[in-house]
Amino acid sequence: MMLKRESYLSTNFKTRSDEGGKRFIEGYFIKYGVETELWEGFYELIEKEAVEKALDRNPDVRALFNHDSNICLGRTGNETLQLNSDNVGLFGVCEINSADPDAIGAHARIERQDVNGCSFGFFELGFEMVERTDGTILKKVTDLELLEVSPCTFPAYPQTEIYARKKSYDEYKKEELNIRKKILKEKLKK
C-alpha cells in the first residue's frame, strides 16, 4: 500500500495582478537536488526526471492551501494552475478565483509574507539509494505520482519535518538497516 507523503520547503512566492485585475501567486513548489534530512544520517532528494514523469502521467494536479482539499486554489486540468519544470525545480503560477473568499485570503497571506512556504503531496514510485563515504545514505526519488502542490503556513523546519509518513521512526531505521545490508552484500560480491 502506498502512503501519501508531503515534503516541505521555504520559498519566495510572489503575488501579482494583471491588467484585467486577475490575481496570481507564483513560485517554486519543488526544488530539484535539495536534500532533506529525514532522520540523522538519512537524506532524500527529488530528481527532475521524477517530476517530469509525474506531470506527463497526471494532467490534473491541484493547488491546495495548506494541503486542505476544501481550499482548492487552482488545477492544471482547467488551466487555472500552470506547472513547468525547469533546471531549478517545479515552478507554478496559480490564478486566484476572485469569487472565492478563501482563495483571496490565501493570496493576501502570501502577499504579506505571512505564508512563505510550500509543499507537495505525492506517492513515491521509484528511488535509488546511495551510501556516501561519510556513512550517510541519500535516497534519490526517481519516480513519483504528483497529487498536489500547496502554499503552506508551517514549513518552519523544511529539512527535518516530513508529515503524512505513516511508518514509525523504528520502521524507517529498520528499512535503513536493510538498505545498508544490501549495499554491503553488493560490495562483498565485487
C-alpha atoms as a PDB file:
ATOM      1  CA  MET A   1       0.000   0.000   0.000  1.00  0.00           C
ATOM      2  CA  MET A   2       1.400   3.387  -0.993  1.00  0.00           C
ATOM      3  CA  LEU A   3       1.064   6.177   1.511  1.00  0.00           C
ATOM      4  CA  LYS A   4       0.743   9.809   0.514  1.00  0.00           C
ATOM      5  CA  ARG A   5       3.719  11.873   1.618  1.00  0.00           C
ATOM      6  CA  GLU A   6       4.267  15.583   1.868  1.00  0.00           C
ATOM      7  CA  SER A   7       7.577  17.400   1.584  1.00  0.00           C
ATOM      8  CA  TYR A   8       8.124  20.979   2.735  1.00  0.00           C
ATOM      9  CA  LEU A   9      10.463  23.805   1.768  1.00  0.00           C
ATOM     10  CA  SER A  10      10.735  27.533   2.252  1.00  0.00           C
ATOM     11  CA  THR A  11      10.220  29.537  -0.892  1.00  0.00           C
ATOM     12  CA  ASN A  12       9.682  33.041  -2.111  1.00  0.00           C
ATOM     13  CA  PHE A  13       6.192  33.051  -3.536  1.00  0.00           C
ATOM     14  CA  LYS A  14       5.234  36.235  -5.295  1.00  0.00           C
ATOM     15  CA  THR A  15       1.811  37.707  -5.912  1.00  0.00           C
ATOM     16  CA  ARG A  16       0.816  39.821  -8.884  1.00  0.00           C
ATOM     17  CA  SER A  17      -2.174  41.164 -10.747  1.00  0.00           C
ATOM     18  CA  ASP A  18      -2.629  41.620 -14.473  1.00  0.00           C
ATOM     19  CA  GLU A  19      -4.268  44.498 -16.356  1.00  0.00           C
ATOM     20  CA  GLY A  20      -7.672  42.803 -16.113  1.00  0.00           C
ATOM     21  CA  GLY A  21      -7.477  42.593 -12.311  1.00  0.00           C
ATOM     22  CA  LYS A  22      -6.778  38.849 -12.146  1.00  0.00           C
ATOM     23  CA  ARG A  23      -4.629  37.847  -9.169  1.00  0.00           C
ATOM     24  CA  PHE A  24      -1.872  35.248  -9.247  1.00  0.00           C
ATOM     25  CA  ILE A  25       0.556  33.514  -6.928  1.00  0.00           C
ATOM     26  CA  GLU A  26       3.740  32.060  -8.332  1.00  0.00           C
ATOM     27  CA  GLY A  27       6.880  30.345  -7.149  1.00  0.00           C
ATOM     28  CA  TYR A  28       8.722  27.045  -6.900  1.00  0.00           C
ATOM     29  CA  PHE A  29       6.786  24.189  -5.318  1.00  0.00           C
ATOM     30  CA  ILE A  30       9.669  21.725  -5.686  1.00  0.00           C
ATOM     31  CA  LYS A  31      13.395  22.386  -5.966  1.00  0.00           C
ATOM     32  CA  TYR A  32      15.478  19.655  -7.568  1.00  0.00           C
ATOM     33  CA  GLY A  33      18.555  18.291  -5.874  1.00  0.00           C
ATOM     34  CA  VAL A  34      17.753  19.828  -2.478  1.00  0.00           C
ATOM     35  CA  GLU A  35      18.447  17.305   0.268  1.00  0.00           C
ATOM     36  CA  THR A  36      16.006  16.891   3.130  1.00  0.00           C
ATOM     37  CA  GLU A  37      17.223  15.084   6.256  1.00  0.00           C
ATOM     38  CA  LEU A  38      14.506  12.584   7.158  1.00  0.00           C
ATOM     39  CA  TRP A  39      16.414  11.430  10.224  1.00  0.00           C
ATOM     40  CA  GLU A  40      20.022  11.528  11.320  1.00  0.00           C
ATOM     41  CA  GLY A  41      22.223  10.261   8.515  1.00  0.00           C
ATOM     42  CA  PHE A  42      19.370   9.629   6.044  1.00  0.00           C
ATOM     43  CA  TYR A  43      18.669  12.186   3.331  1.00  0.00           C
ATOM     44  CA  GLU A  44      16.257  12.404   0.431  1.00  0.00           C
ATOM     45  CA  LEU A  45      16.107  14.497  -2.724  1.00  0.00           C
ATOM     46  CA  ILE A  46      13.697  14.740  -5.627  1.00  0.00           C
ATOM     47  CA  GLU A  47      15.083  14.171  -9.125  1.00  0.00           C
ATOM     48  CA  LYS A  48      13.912  16.360 -12.005  1.00  0.00           C
ATOM     49  CA  GLU A  49      13.021  13.292 -14.080  1.00  0.00           C
ATOM     50  CA  ALA A  50      10.649  12.053 -11.351  1.00  0.00           C
ATOM     51  CA  VAL A  51       8.595  15.242 -11.500  1.00  0.00           C
ATOM     52  CA  GLU A  52       8.602  15.384 -15.291  1.00  0.00           C
ATOM     53  CA  LYS A  53       7.318  11.788 -15.495  1.00  0.00           C
ATOM     54  CA  ALA A  54       4.635  12.668 -12.935  1.00  0.00           C
ATOM     55  CA  LEU A  55       3.487  15.685 -14.950  1.00  0.00           C
ATOM     56  CA  ASP A  56       3.217  13.517 -18.065  1.00  0.00           C
ATOM     57  CA  ARG A  57       1.082  10.965 -16.193  1.00  0.00           C
ATOM     58  CA  ASN A  58      -1.213  13.311 -14.270  1.00  0.00           C
ATOM     59  CA  PRO A  59      -2.781  16.090 -16.338  1.00  0.00           C
ATOM     60  CA  ASP A  60      -4.828  17.362 -13.379  1.00  0.00           C
ATOM     61  CA  VAL A  61      -2.669  18.391 -10.399  1.00  0.00           C
ATOM     62  CA  ARG A  62      -4.366  20.584  -7.776  1.00  0.00           C
ATOM     63  CA  ALA A  63      -3.037  23.624  -5.933  1.00  0.00           C
ATOM     64  CA  LEU A  64      -4.376  23.497  -2.389  1.00  0.00           C
ATOM     65  CA  PHE A  65      -3.854  25.860   0.531  1.00  0.00           C
ATOM     66  CA  ASN A  66      -2.154  24.056   3.433  1.00  0.00           C
ATOM     67  CA  HIS A  67      -2.971  20.677   1.808  1.00  0.00           C
ATOM     68  CA  ASP A  68      -6.643  21.349   2.547  1.00  0.00           C
ATOM     69  CA  SER A  69      -8.759  19.787  -0.203  1.00  0.00           C
ATOM     70  CA  ASN A  70     -11.562  22.179   0.783  1.00  0.00           C
ATOM     71  CA  ILE A  71      -9.441  25.120  -0.397  1.00  0.00           C
ATOM     72  CA  CYS A  72      -8.542  24.350  -3.984  1.00  0.00           C
ATOM     73  CA  LEU A  73      -6.767  27.390  -5.431  1.00  0.00           C
ATOM     74  CA  GLY A  74      -6.441  26.015  -8.945  1.00  0.00           C
ATOM     75  CA  ARG A  75      -5.830  22.960 -11.102  1.00  0.00           C
ATOM     76  CA  THR A  76      -3.867  22.109 -14.170  1.00  0.00           C
ATOM     77  CA  GLY A  77      -6.932  20.366 -15.641  1.00  0.00           C
ATOM     78  CA  ASN A  78      -8.785  23.643 -16.153  1.00  0.00           C
ATOM     79  CA  GLU A  79      -5.593  25.683 -16.658  1.00  0.00           C
ATOM     80  CA  THR A  80      -6.020  27.821 -13.525  1.00  0.00           C
ATOM     81  CA  LEU A  81      -2.713  26.290 -12.422  1.00  0.00           C
ATOM     82  CA  GLN A  82       0.303  26.172 -14.734  1.00  0.00           C
ATOM     83  CA  LEU A  83       3.212  23.929 -13.701  1.00  0.00           C
ATOM     84  CA  ASN A  84       6.522  23.975 -15.556  1.00  0.00           C
ATOM     85  CA  SER A  85       9.710  22.068 -14.865  1.00  0.00           C
ATOM     86  CA  ASP A  86      13.000  23.893 -15.397  1.00  0.00           C
ATOM     87  CA  ASN A  87      16.566  23.313 -14.188  1.00  0.00           C
ATOM     88  CA  VAL A  88      15.769  24.737 -10.725  1.00  0.00           C
ATOM     89  CA  GLY A  89      12.541  22.905  -9.979  1.00  0.00           C
ATOM     90  CA  LEU A  90       8.796  22.828 -10.491  1.00  0.00           C
ATOM     91  CA  PHE A  91       7.570  26.392 -10.983  1.00  0.00           C
ATOM     92  CA  GLY A  92       3.868  27.136 -10.631  1.00  0.00           C
ATOM     93  CA  VAL A  93       1.581  30.017 -11.496  1.00  0.00           C
ATOM     94  CA  CYS A  94      -1.902  29.859  -9.997  1.00  0.00           C
ATOM     95  CA  GLU A  95      -4.753  32.178 -10.956  1.00  0.00           C
ATOM     96  CA  ILE A  96      -6.777  33.117  -7.872  1.00  0.00           C
ATOM     97  CA  ASN A  97     -10.567  32.827  -8.012  1.00  0.00           C
ATOM     98  CA  SER A  98     -11.821  36.331  -7.180  1.00  0.00           C
ATOM     99  CA  ALA A  99     -15.225  34.891  -6.157  1.00  0.00           C
ATOM    100  CA  ASP A 100     -13.676  32.623  -3.503  1.00  0.00           C
ATOM    101  CA  PRO A 101     -13.018  34.322  -0.129  1.00  0.00           C
ATOM    102  CA  ASP A 102     -10.639  31.512   0.918  1.00  0.00           C
ATOM    103  CA  ALA A 103      -8.559  31.984  -2.240  1.00  0.00           C
ATOM    104  CA  ILE A 104      -8.496  35.771  -1.771  1.00  0.00           C
ATOM    105  CA  GLY A 105      -7.413  35.210   1.846  1.00  0.00           C
ATOM    106  CA  ALA A 106      -4.650  32.819   0.764  1.00  0.00           C
ATOM    107  CA  HIS A 107      -3.439  35.389  -1.780  1.00  0.00           C
ATOM    108  CA  ALA A 108      -3.412  38.113   0.896  1.00  0.00           C
ATOM    109  CA  ARG A 109      -1.450  35.926   3.332  1.00  0.00           C
ATOM    110  CA  ILE A 110       1.161  35.166   0.679  1.00  0.00           C
ATOM    111  CA  GLU A 111       1.328  38.803  -0.451  1.00  0.00           C
ATOM    112  CA  ARG A 112       2.014  39.937   3.119  1.00  0.00           C
ATOM    113  CA  GLN A 113       4.515  37.066   3.572  1.00  0.00           C
ATOM    114  CA  ASP A 114       2.540  35.547   6.450  1.00  0.00           C
ATOM    115  CA  VAL A 115       2.776  32.372   4.374  1.00  0.00           C
ATOM    116  CA  ASN A 116       6.149  31.774   2.762  1.00  0.00           C
ATOM    117  CA  GLY A 117       6.424  28.038   2.460  1.00  0.00           C
ATOM    118  CA  CYS A 118       5.287  25.400   0.106  1.00  0.00           C
ATOM    119  CA  SER A 119       4.840  21.696  -0.041  1.00  0.00           C
ATOM    120  CA  PHE A 120       3.705  18.988  -2.371  1.00  0.00           C
ATOM    121  CA  GLY A 121       1.791  15.770  -1.829  1.00  0.00           C
ATOM    122  CA  PHE A 122       2.966  12.666  -3.668  1.00  0.00           C
ATOM    123  CA  PHE A 123       3.237   8.901  -3.838  1.00  0.00           C
ATOM    124  CA  GLU A 124       6.774   7.596  -4.217  1.00  0.00           C
ATOM    125  CA  LEU A 125       7.013   5.133  -7.131  1.00  0.00           C
ATOM    126  CA  GLY A 126      10.765   4.645  -7.516  1.00  0.00           C
ATOM    127  CA  PHE A 127      14.031   5.531  -5.826  1.00  0.00           C
ATOM    128  CA  GLU A 128      17.785   4.944  -5.835  1.00  0.00           C
ATOM    129  CA  MET A 129      19.870   4.593  -2.672  1.00  0.00           C
ATOM    130  CA  VAL A 130      23.439   5.841  -2.381  1.00  0.00           C
ATOM    131  CA  GLU A 131      25.726   5.187   0.569  1.00  0.00           C
ATOM    132  CA  ARG A 132      28.165   8.074   0.818  1.00  0.00           C
ATOM    133  CA  THR A 133      31.733   7.992   2.053  1.00  0.00           C
ATOM    134  CA  ASP A 134      30.731   9.734   5.303  1.00  0.00           C
ATOM    135  CA  GLY A 135      28.351   6.840   6.106  1.00  0.00           C
ATOM    136  CA  THR A 136      25.165   8.735   5.374  1.00  0.00           C
ATOM    137  CA  ILE A 137      22.571   7.446   2.938  1.00  0.00           C
ATOM    138  CA  LEU A 138      20.991   9.502   0.195  1.00  0.00           C
ATOM    139  CA  LYS A 139      17.664   8.409  -1.237  1.00  0.00           C
ATOM    140  CA  LYS A 140      17.013   9.867  -4.690  1.00  0.00           C
ATOM    141  CA  VAL A 141      13.336   9.791  -5.625  1.00  0.00           C
ATOM    142  CA  THR A 142      13.403   8.834  -9.315  1.00  0.00           C
ATOM    143  CA  ASP A 143       9.683   8.391  -9.909  1.00  0.00           C
ATOM    144  CA  LEU A 144       6.576   9.717  -8.190  1.00  0.00           C
ATOM    145  CA  GLU A 145       2.904  10.444  -8.613  1.00  0.00           C
ATOM    146  CA  LEU A 146       2.300  14.153  -8.003  1.00  0.00           C
ATOM    147  CA  LEU A 147      -1.105  14.777  -6.442  1.00  0.00           C
ATOM    148  CA  GLU A 148      -0.999  18.383  -5.317  1.00  0.00           C
ATOM    149  CA  VAL A 149       1.108  21.432  -4.581  1.00  0.00           C
ATOM    150  CA  SER A 150       0.390  23.760  -1.673  1.00  0.00           C
ATOM    151  CA  PRO A 151       1.450  27.118  -0.349  1.00  0.00           C
ATOM    152  CA  CYS A 152       1.656  26.340   3.362  1.00  0.00           C
ATOM    153  CA  THR A 153       1.921  28.067   6.686  1.00  0.00           C
ATOM    154  CA  PHE A 154       4.376  25.832   8.527  1.00  0.00           C
ATOM    155  CA  PRO A 155       7.427  24.871   6.504  1.00  0.00           C
ATOM    156  CA  ALA A 156       9.412  26.093   9.517  1.00  0.00           C
ATOM    157  CA  TYR A 157      11.730  23.100   9.606  1.00  0.00           C
ATOM    158  CA  PRO A 158      11.916  22.099   5.946  1.00  0.00           C
ATOM    159  CA  GLN A 159      14.991  19.944   6.450  1.00  0.00           C
ATOM    160  CA  THR A 160      13.590  17.917   9.336  1.00  0.00           C
ATOM    161  CA  GLU A 161       9.812  17.787   9.068  1.00  0.00           C
ATOM    162  CA  ILE A 162       8.108  15.324   6.779  1.00  0.00           C
ATOM    163  CA  TYR A 163       4.429  14.856   7.506  1.00  0.00           C
ATOM    164  CA  ALA A 164       1.988  12.142   6.468  1.00  0.00           C
ATOM    165  CA  ARG A 165       4.512   9.342   6.830  1.00  0.00           C
ATOM    166  CA  LYS A 166       2.574   6.568   8.489  1.00  0.00           C
ATOM    167  CA  LYS A 167       5.629   4.473   9.255  1.00  0.00           C
ATOM    168  CA  SER A 168       7.169   4.904  12.659  1.00  0.00           C
ATOM    169  CA  TYR A 169      10.751   6.025  13.173  1.00  0.00           C
ATOM    170  CA  ASP A 170      11.709   2.463  14.165  1.00  0.00           C
ATOM    171  CA  GLU A 171      10.307   1.087  10.915  1.00  0.00           C
ATOM    172  CA  TYR A 172      12.391   3.575   8.954  1.00  0.00           C
ATOM    173  CA  LYS A 173      15.511   2.686  10.938  1.00  0.00           C
ATOM    174  CA  LYS A 174      14.822  -0.983  10.141  1.00  0.00           C
ATOM    175  CA  GLU A 175      14.429  -0.085   6.457  1.00  0.00           C
ATOM    176  CA  GLU A 176      17.705   1.856   6.594  1.00  0.00           C
ATOM    177  CA  LEU A 177      19.483  -1.142   8.173  1.00  0.00           C
ATOM    178  CA  ASN A 178      18.160  -3.434   5.434  1.00  0.00           C
ATOM    179  CA  ILE A 179      19.372  -0.992   2.789  1.00  0.00           C
ATOM    180  CA  ARG A 180      22.818  -0.839   4.387  1.00  0.00           C
ATOM    181  CA  LYS A 181      22.934  -4.672   4.470  1.00  0.00           C
ATOM    182  CA  LYS A 182      22.018  -4.833   0.791  1.00  0.00           C
ATOM    183  CA  ILE A 183      24.707  -2.276  -0.133  1.00  0.00           C
ATOM    184  CA  LEU A 184      27.270  -4.197   1.917  1.00  0.00           C
ATOM    185  CA  LYS A 185      26.342  -7.512   0.293  1.00  0.00           C
ATOM    186  CA  GLU A 186      26.726  -5.936  -3.164  1.00  0.00           C
ATOM    187  CA  LYS A 187      30.170  -4.608  -2.169  1.00  0.00           C
ATOM    188  CA  LEU A 188      31.227  -8.050  -0.881  1.00  0.00           C
ATOM    189  CA  LYS A 189      30.189  -9.700  -4.182  1.00  0.00           C
ATOM    190  CA  LYS A 190      32.615  -7.460  -6.087  1.00  0.00           C
END
